[in-house]
All heavy atoms as atom14 arrays in JSON, in Angstrom:
{
  "sequence": "RLRLRDEVKALCAQYPFVQNIPRERVVGDSGSLF",
  "atom14_mask": [
    [1, 1, 1, 1, 1, 1, 1, 1, 1, 1, 1, 0, 0, 0],
    [1, 1, 1, 1, 1, 1, 1, 1, 0, 0, 0, 0, 0, 0],
    [1, 1, 1, 1, 1, 1, 1, 1, 1, 1, 1, 0, 0, 0],
    [1, 1, 1, 1, 1, 1, 1, 1, 0, 0, 0, 0, 0, 0],
    [1, 1, 1, 1, 1, 1, 1, 1, 1, 1, 1, 0, 0, 0],
    [1, 1, 1, 1, 1, 1, 1, 1, 0, 0, 0, 0, 0, 0],
    [1, 1, 1, 1, 1, 1, 1, 1, 1, 0, 0, 0, 0, 0],
    [1, 1, 1, 1, 1, 1, 1, 0, 0, 0, 0, 0, 0, 0],
    [1, 1, 1, 1, 1, 1, 1, 1, 1, 0, 0, 0, 0, 0],
    [1, 1, 1, 1, 1, 0, 0, 0, 0, 0, 0, 0, 0, 0],
    [1, 1, 1, 1, 1, 1, 1, 1, 0, 0, 0, 0, 0, 0],
    [1, 1, 1, 1, 1, 1, 0, 0, 0, 0, 0, 0, 0, 0],
    [1, 1, 1, 1, 1, 0, 0, 0, 0, 0, 0, 0, 0, 0],
    [1, 1, 1, 1, 1, 1, 1, 1, 1, 0, 0, 0, 0, 0],
    [1, 1, 1, 1, 1, 1, 1, 1, 1, 1, 1, 1, 0, 0],
    [1, 1, 1, 1, 1, 1, 1, 0, 0, 0, 0, 0, 0, 0],
    [1, 1, 1, 1, 1, 1, 1, 1, 1, 1, 1, 0, 0, 0],
    [1, 1, 1, 1, 1, 1, 1, 0, 0, 0, 0, 0, 0, 0],
    [1, 1, 1, 1, 1, 1, 1, 1, 1, 0, 0, 0, 0, 0],
    [1, 1, 1, 1, 1, 1, 1, 1, 0, 0, 0, 0, 0, 0],
    [1, 1, 1, 1, 1, 1, 1, 1, 0, 0, 0, 0, 0, 0],
    [1, 1, 1, 1, 1, 1, 1, 0, 0, 0, 0, 0, 0, 0],
    [1, 1, 1, 1, 1, 1, 1, 1, 1, 1, 1, 0, 0, 0],
    [1, 1, 1, 1, 1, 1, 1, 1, 1, 0, 0, 0, 0, 0],
    [1, 1, 1, 1, 1, 1, 1, 1, 1, 1, 1, 0, 0, 0],
    [1, 1, 1, 1, 1, 1, 1, 0, 0, 0, 0, 0, 0, 0],
    [1, 1, 1, 1, 1, 1, 1, 0, 0, 0, 0, 0, 0, 0],
    [1, 1, 1, 1, 0, 0, 0, 0, 0, 0, 0, 0, 0, 0],
    [1, 1, 1, 1, 1, 1, 1, 1, 0, 0, 0, 0, 0, 0],
    [1, 1, 1, 1, 1, 1, 0, 0, 0, 0, 0, 0, 0, 0],
    [1, 1, 1, 1, 0, 0, 0, 0, 0, 0, 0, 0, 0, 0],
    [1, 1, 1, 1, 1, 1, 0, 0, 0, 0, 0, 0, 0, 0],
    [1, 1, 1, 1, 1, 1, 1, 1, 0, 0, 0, 0, 0, 0],
    [1, 1, 1, 1, 1, 1, 1, 1, 1, 1, 1, 0, 0, 0]
  ],
  "atom14_positions": [
    [[-117.71, 86.42, 48.41], [-116.71, 85.8, 49.27], [-116.69, 86.48, 50.65], [-116.7, 85.83, 51.68], [-115.32, 85.84, 48.69], [-115.18, 85.27, 47.29], [-114.98, 83.67, 47.41], [-116.18, 82.92, 47.53], [-116.16, 81.59, 47.62], [-115.06, 80.88, 47.61], [-117.37, 80.99, 47.76], [0.0, 0.0, 0.0], [0.0, 0.0, 0.0], [0.0, 0.0, 0.0]],
    [[-116.78, 87.79, 50.61], [-116.78, 88.58, 51.86], [-118.03, 88.32, 52.63], [-118.04, 88.26, 53.91], [-116.56, 90.06, 51.57], [-115.11, 90.46, 51.07], [-115.14, 91.97, 50.62], [-114.08, 90.13, 52.03], [0.0, 0.0, 0.0], [0.0, 0.0, 0.0], [0.0, 0.0, 0.0], [0.0, 0.0, 0.0], [0.0, 0.0, 0.0], [0.0, 0.0, 0.0]],
    [[-119.14, 88.3, 51.95], [-120.41, 88.04, 52.65], [-120.46, 86.61, 53.23], [-120.95, 86.39, 54.37], [-121.64, 88.14, 51.66], [-121.98, 89.59, 51.41], [-123.3, 89.77, 50.69], [-123.31, 89.09, 49.39], [-123.0, 89.81, 48.32], [-122.72, 91.06, 48.28], [-123.07, 89.13, 47.05], [0.0, 0.0, 0.0], [0.0, 0.0, 0.0], [0.0, 0.0, 0.0]],
    [[-119.89, 85.67, 52.51], [-119.78, 84.3, 53.02], [-118.92, 84.3, 54.26], [-119.22, 83.54, 55.27], [-119.32, 83.3, 51.97], [-119.2, 81.84, 52.35], [-120.55, 81.34, 52.82], [-118.73, 81.01, 51.16], [0.0, 0.0, 0.0], [0.0, 0.0, 0.0], [0.0, 0.0, 0.0], [0.0, 0.0, 0.0], [0.0, 0.0, 0.0], [0.0, 0.0, 0.0]],
    [[-117.75, 84.91, 54.22], [-116.83, 85.04, 55.39], [-117.62, 85.54, 56.58], [-117.51, 85.0, 57.71], [-115.75, 85.93, 55.05], [-114.76, 86.11, 56.27], [-113.92, 87.47, 56.09], [-114.84, 88.61, 56.09], [-114.44, 89.85, 56.0], [-113.13, 90.1, 55.81], [-115.22, 90.86, 56.04], [0.0, 0.0, 0.0], [0.0, 0.0, 0.0], [0.0, 0.0, 0.0]],
    [[-118.4, 86.66, 56.44], [-119.13, 87.21, 57.61], [-120.22, 86.24, 58.03], [-120.46, 86.13, 59.22], [-119.81, 88.49, 57.12], [-118.83, 89.64, 56.87], [-117.64, 89.53, 57.3], [-119.15, 90.55, 56.07], [0.0, 0.0, 0.0], [0.0, 0.0, 0.0], [0.0, 0.0, 0.0], [0.0, 0.0, 0.0], [0.0, 0.0, 0.0], [0.0, 0.0, 0.0]],
    [[-120.79, 85.56, 57.13], [-121.88, 84.51, 57.57], [-121.19, 83.36, 58.37], [-121.83, 82.91, 59.36], [-122.57, 83.92, 56.3], [-123.74, 83.01, 56.67], [-124.38, 82.49, 55.43], [-124.1, 82.94, 54.34], [-125.24, 81.52, 55.63], [0.0, 0.0, 0.0], [0.0, 0.0, 0.0], [0.0, 0.0, 0.0], [0.0, 0.0, 0.0], [0.0, 0.0, 0.0]],
    [[-120.06, 83.02, 57.97], [-119.32, 81.9, 58.7], [-119.07, 82.39, 60.14], [-119.23, 81.62, 61.11], [-118.07, 81.48, 57.97], [-117.17, 80.57, 58.87], [-118.4, 80.74, 56.67], [0.0, 0.0, 0.0], [0.0, 0.0, 0.0], [0.0, 0.0, 0.0], [0.0, 0.0, 0.0], [0.0, 0.0, 0.0], [0.0, 0.0, 0.0], [0.0, 0.0, 0.0]],
    [[-118.57, 83.58, 60.21], [-118.25, 84.12, 61.57], [-119.54, 84.15, 62.42], [-119.49, 83.86, 63.67], [-117.64, 85.51, 61.41], [-116.22, 85.56, 60.89], [-115.71, 86.97, 60.91], [-114.29, 87.0, 60.4], [-113.73, 88.42, 60.36], [0.0, 0.0, 0.0], [0.0, 0.0, 0.0], [0.0, 0.0, 0.0], [0.0, 0.0, 0.0], [0.0, 0.0, 0.0]],
    [[-120.65, 84.53, 61.85], [-121.87, 84.85, 62.6], [-122.48, 83.53, 63.01], [-123.1, 83.4, 64.1], [-122.8, 85.58, 61.83], [0.0, 0.0, 0.0], [0.0, 0.0, 0.0], [0.0, 0.0, 0.0], [0.0, 0.0, 0.0], [0.0, 0.0, 0.0], [0.0, 0.0, 0.0], [0.0, 0.0, 0.0], [0.0, 0.0, 0.0], [0.0, 0.0, 0.0]],
    [[-122.41, 82.49, 62.18], [-123.16, 81.22, 62.45], [-122.43, 80.16, 63.11], [-123.0, 79.2, 63.61], [-123.65, 80.7, 61.03], [-124.75, 81.54, 60.35], [-125.24, 80.77, 59.11], [-125.92, 81.9, 61.29], [0.0, 0.0, 0.0], [0.0, 0.0, 0.0], [0.0, 0.0, 0.0], [0.0, 0.0, 0.0], [0.0, 0.0, 0.0], [0.0, 0.0, 0.0]],
    [[-121.11, 80.21, 63.16], [-120.32, 79.1, 63.73], [-120.63, 78.9, 65.17], [-120.45, 77.88, 65.83], [-118.82, 79.29, 63.49], [-118.26, 78.8, 61.9], [0.0, 0.0, 0.0], [0.0, 0.0, 0.0], [0.0, 0.0, 0.0], [0.0, 0.0, 0.0], [0.0, 0.0, 0.0], [0.0, 0.0, 0.0], [0.0, 0.0, 0.0], [0.0, 0.0, 0.0]],
    [[-121.09, 80.01, 65.86], [-121.4, 79.95, 67.27], [-122.82, 79.41, 67.62], [-123.09, 79.08, 68.72], [-121.27, 81.32, 67.92], [0.0, 0.0, 0.0], [0.0, 0.0, 0.0], [0.0, 0.0, 0.0], [0.0, 0.0, 0.0], [0.0, 0.0, 0.0], [0.0, 0.0, 0.0], [0.0, 0.0, 0.0], [0.0, 0.0, 0.0], [0.0, 0.0, 0.0]],
    [[-123.61, 79.25, 66.54], [-125.01, 78.69, 66.73], [-125.01, 77.25, 66.71], [-124.08, 76.57, 66.19], [-125.88, 79.36, 65.68], [-126.09, 80.86, 65.8], [-127.24, 81.32, 64.89], [-128.08, 80.55, 64.43], [-127.31, 82.66, 64.69], [0.0, 0.0, 0.0], [0.0, 0.0, 0.0], [0.0, 0.0, 0.0], [0.0, 0.0, 0.0], [0.0, 0.0, 0.0]],
    [[-126.07, 76.68, 67.17], [-126.33, 75.22, 67.23], [-125.11, 74.48, 67.66], [-124.57, 73.63, 66.93], [-126.78, 74.76, 65.79], [-127.94, 75.57, 65.24], [-127.73, 76.4, 64.09], [-129.16, 75.57, 65.82], [-128.68, 77.15, 63.59], [-130.2, 76.3, 65.32], [-130.0, 77.1, 64.24], [-131.07, 77.79, 63.73], [0.0, 0.0, 0.0], [0.0, 0.0, 0.0]],
    [[-124.7, 74.73, 68.91], [-123.45, 74.08, 69.39], [-123.53, 72.56, 69.4], [-122.56, 71.8, 69.32], [-123.29, 74.62, 70.83], [-124.62, 75.08, 71.21], [-125.27, 75.55, 69.88], [0.0, 0.0, 0.0], [0.0, 0.0, 0.0], [0.0, 0.0, 0.0], [0.0, 0.0, 0.0], [0.0, 0.0, 0.0], [0.0, 0.0, 0.0], [0.0, 0.0, 0.0]],
    [[-124.74, 71.97, 69.5], [-124.88, 70.56, 69.57], [-124.42, 69.93, 68.32], [-123.94, 68.73, 68.21], [-126.28, 70.05, 69.94], [-127.26, 70.25, 68.74], [-127.48, 69.21, 67.86], [-127.94, 71.44, 68.48], [-128.35, 69.31, 66.78], [-128.81, 71.55, 67.46], [-129.07, 70.53, 66.56], [0.0, 0.0, 0.0], [0.0, 0.0, 0.0], [0.0, 0.0, 0.0]],
    [[-124.45, 70.56, 67.15], [-124.0, 70.06, 65.86], [-122.5, 69.91, 65.95], [-121.92, 68.95, 65.53], [-124.31, 71.03, 64.71], [-123.69, 70.5, 63.41], [-125.84, 71.1, 64.53], [0.0, 0.0, 0.0], [0.0, 0.0, 0.0], [0.0, 0.0, 0.0], [0.0, 0.0, 0.0], [0.0, 0.0, 0.0], [0.0, 0.0, 0.0], [0.0, 0.0, 0.0]],
    [[-121.76, 70.82, 66.57], [-120.33, 70.75, 66.73], [-119.96, 69.63, 67.62], [-118.86, 69.14, 67.53], [-119.77, 72.14, 67.25], [-120.01, 73.22, 66.37], [-119.6, 74.56, 66.95], [-118.76, 74.55, 67.87], [-120.13, 75.63, 66.39], [0.0, 0.0, 0.0], [0.0, 0.0, 0.0], [0.0, 0.0, 0.0], [0.0, 0.0, 0.0], [0.0, 0.0, 0.0]],
    [[-120.75, 69.2, 68.56], [-120.48, 68.19, 69.51], [-120.89, 66.76, 69.01], [-120.64, 65.79, 69.76], [-121.17, 68.38, 70.83], [-120.73, 69.71, 71.51], [-119.56, 70.08, 71.31], [-121.56, 70.36, 72.18], [0.0, 0.0, 0.0], [0.0, 0.0, 0.0], [0.0, 0.0, 0.0], [0.0, 0.0, 0.0], [0.0, 0.0, 0.0], [0.0, 0.0, 0.0]],
    [[-121.34, 66.61, 67.77], [-121.67, 65.23, 67.29], [-120.35, 64.58, 67.03], [-119.51, 65.05, 66.14], [-122.54, 65.35, 66.06], [-123.89, 65.96, 66.35], [-122.73, 63.98, 65.35], [-124.85, 66.21, 65.23], [0.0, 0.0, 0.0], [0.0, 0.0, 0.0], [0.0, 0.0, 0.0], [0.0, 0.0, 0.0], [0.0, 0.0, 0.0], [0.0, 0.0, 0.0]],
    [[-120.09, 63.42, 67.62], [-118.84, 62.72, 67.44], [-118.67, 62.11, 66.05], [-119.7, 61.92, 65.42], [-118.8, 61.69, 68.53], [-120.25, 61.37, 68.78], [-120.95, 62.73, 68.58], [0.0, 0.0, 0.0], [0.0, 0.0, 0.0], [0.0, 0.0, 0.0], [0.0, 0.0, 0.0], [0.0, 0.0, 0.0], [0.0, 0.0, 0.0], [0.0, 0.0, 0.0]],
    [[-117.48, 61.81, 65.62], [-117.22, 61.24, 64.35], [-118.01, 59.99, 64.05], [-118.35, 59.7, 62.9], [-115.82, 61.1, 64.12], [-115.37, 60.72, 62.74], [-113.93, 60.83, 62.47], [-113.39, 62.24, 62.57], [-113.4, 63.04, 61.56], [-113.93, 62.66, 60.34], [-113.01, 64.33, 61.73], [0.0, 0.0, 0.0], [0.0, 0.0, 0.0], [0.0, 0.0, 0.0]],
    [[-118.16, 59.19, 65.11], [-118.88, 57.88, 64.9], [-120.33, 58.09, 64.51], [-121.01, 57.12, 64.13], [-118.77, 56.98, 66.14], [-119.29, 57.58, 67.4], [-118.2, 58.28, 68.29], [-117.15, 58.66, 67.65], [-118.41, 58.37, 69.47], [0.0, 0.0, 0.0], [0.0, 0.0, 0.0], [0.0, 0.0, 0.0], [0.0, 0.0, 0.0], [0.0, 0.0, 0.0]],
    [[-120.83, 59.29, 64.73], [-122.26, 59.54, 64.23], [-122.25, 60.45, 62.97], [-123.25, 61.15, 62.78], [-123.02, 60.21, 65.41], [-123.48, 59.16, 66.41], [-124.56, 59.65, 67.38], [-124.03, 60.34, 68.59], [-124.25, 61.53, 68.98], [-124.99, 62.37, 68.24], [-123.67, 62.06, 70.06], [0.0, 0.0, 0.0], [0.0, 0.0, 0.0], [0.0, 0.0, 0.0]],
    [[-121.19, 60.46, 62.24], [-121.08, 61.17, 60.95], [-121.18, 60.07, 59.87], [-120.24, 59.29, 59.79], [-119.84, 62.0, 60.76], [-119.84, 62.61, 59.42], [-119.74, 63.03, 61.85], [0.0, 0.0, 0.0], [0.0, 0.0, 0.0], [0.0, 0.0, 0.0], [0.0, 0.0, 0.0], [0.0, 0.0, 0.0], [0.0, 0.0, 0.0], [0.0, 0.0, 0.0]],
    [[-122.25, 60.05, 59.13], [-122.51, 59.02, 58.14], [-122.19, 59.52, 56.72], [-122.82, 60.44, 56.31], [-123.95, 58.49, 58.31], [-124.19, 57.31, 57.28], [-124.33, 58.16, 59.68], [0.0, 0.0, 0.0], [0.0, 0.0, 0.0], [0.0, 0.0, 0.0], [0.0, 0.0, 0.0], [0.0, 0.0, 0.0], [0.0, 0.0, 0.0], [0.0, 0.0, 0.0]],
    [[-121.23, 58.91, 56.08], [-120.83, 59.35, 54.73], [-119.71, 60.35, 54.93], [-119.43, 60.88, 56.04], [0.0, 0.0, 0.0], [0.0, 0.0, 0.0], [0.0, 0.0, 0.0], [0.0, 0.0, 0.0], [0.0, 0.0, 0.0], [0.0, 0.0, 0.0], [0.0, 0.0, 0.0], [0.0, 0.0, 0.0], [0.0, 0.0, 0.0], [0.0, 0.0, 0.0]],
    [[-119.15, 60.81, 53.74], [-118.03, 61.8, 53.74], [-118.12, 62.87, 52.7], [-117.27, 63.71, 52.6], [-116.75, 61.07, 53.6], [-116.58, 60.18, 52.43], [-117.48, 60.28, 51.56], [-115.68, 59.4, 52.38], [0.0, 0.0, 0.0], [0.0, 0.0, 0.0], [0.0, 0.0, 0.0], [0.0, 0.0, 0.0], [0.0, 0.0, 0.0], [0.0, 0.0, 0.0]],
    [[-119.15, 62.84, 51.86], [-119.21, 63.92, 50.77], [-120.65, 63.99, 50.31], [-121.44, 63.17, 50.45], [-118.26, 63.47, 49.57], [-118.75, 62.33, 49.04], [0.0, 0.0, 0.0], [0.0, 0.0, 0.0], [0.0, 0.0, 0.0], [0.0, 0.0, 0.0], [0.0, 0.0, 0.0], [0.0, 0.0, 0.0], [0.0, 0.0, 0.0], [0.0, 0.0, 0.0]],
    [[-120.96, 65.13, 49.65], [-122.28, 65.37, 49.18], [-122.98, 66.46, 49.98], [-122.39, 67.25, 50.67], [0.0, 0.0, 0.0], [0.0, 0.0, 0.0], [0.0, 0.0, 0.0], [0.0, 0.0, 0.0], [0.0, 0.0, 0.0], [0.0, 0.0, 0.0], [0.0, 0.0, 0.0], [0.0, 0.0, 0.0], [0.0, 0.0, 0.0], [0.0, 0.0, 0.0]],
    [[-124.34, 66.47, 49.87], [-125.18, 67.26, 50.64], [-125.18, 66.81, 52.11], [-125.25, 65.68, 52.36], [-126.6, 67.32, 50.04], [-126.66, 67.89, 48.8], [0.0, 0.0, 0.0], [0.0, 0.0, 0.0], [0.0, 0.0, 0.0], [0.0, 0.0, 0.0], [0.0, 0.0, 0.0], [0.0, 0.0, 0.0], [0.0, 0.0, 0.0], [0.0, 0.0, 0.0]],
    [[-125.1, 67.77, 52.97], [-125.08, 67.43, 54.49], [-126.38, 67.76, 55.12], [-126.85, 68.88, 55.05], [-123.9, 68.24, 55.14], [-123.72, 67.98, 56.54], [-123.41, 66.6, 56.89], [-122.61, 68.88, 57.1], [0.0, 0.0, 0.0], [0.0, 0.0, 0.0], [0.0, 0.0, 0.0], [0.0, 0.0, 0.0], [0.0, 0.0, 0.0], [0.0, 0.0, 0.0]],
    [[-126.92, 66.71, 55.85], [-128.09, 66.94, 56.61], [-127.82, 66.59, 58.11], [-127.08, 65.64, 58.34], [-129.23, 65.93, 56.11], [-129.69, 66.23, 54.75], [-129.07, 65.54, 53.67], [-130.72, 67.02, 54.37], [-129.37, 65.73, 52.34], [-131.14, 67.21, 53.14], [-130.45, 66.6, 52.03], [0.0, 0.0, 0.0], [0.0, 0.0, 0.0], [0.0, 0.0, 0.0]]
  ]
}
């Protein structure tokens, strides 16, 4: 759990374009995410 916490902190700042994808371009709501 602690390693996962550190990974979340380290990776959330990467690939900012993913964070900017609007909800209308999110297809589906559960399962594996691509």
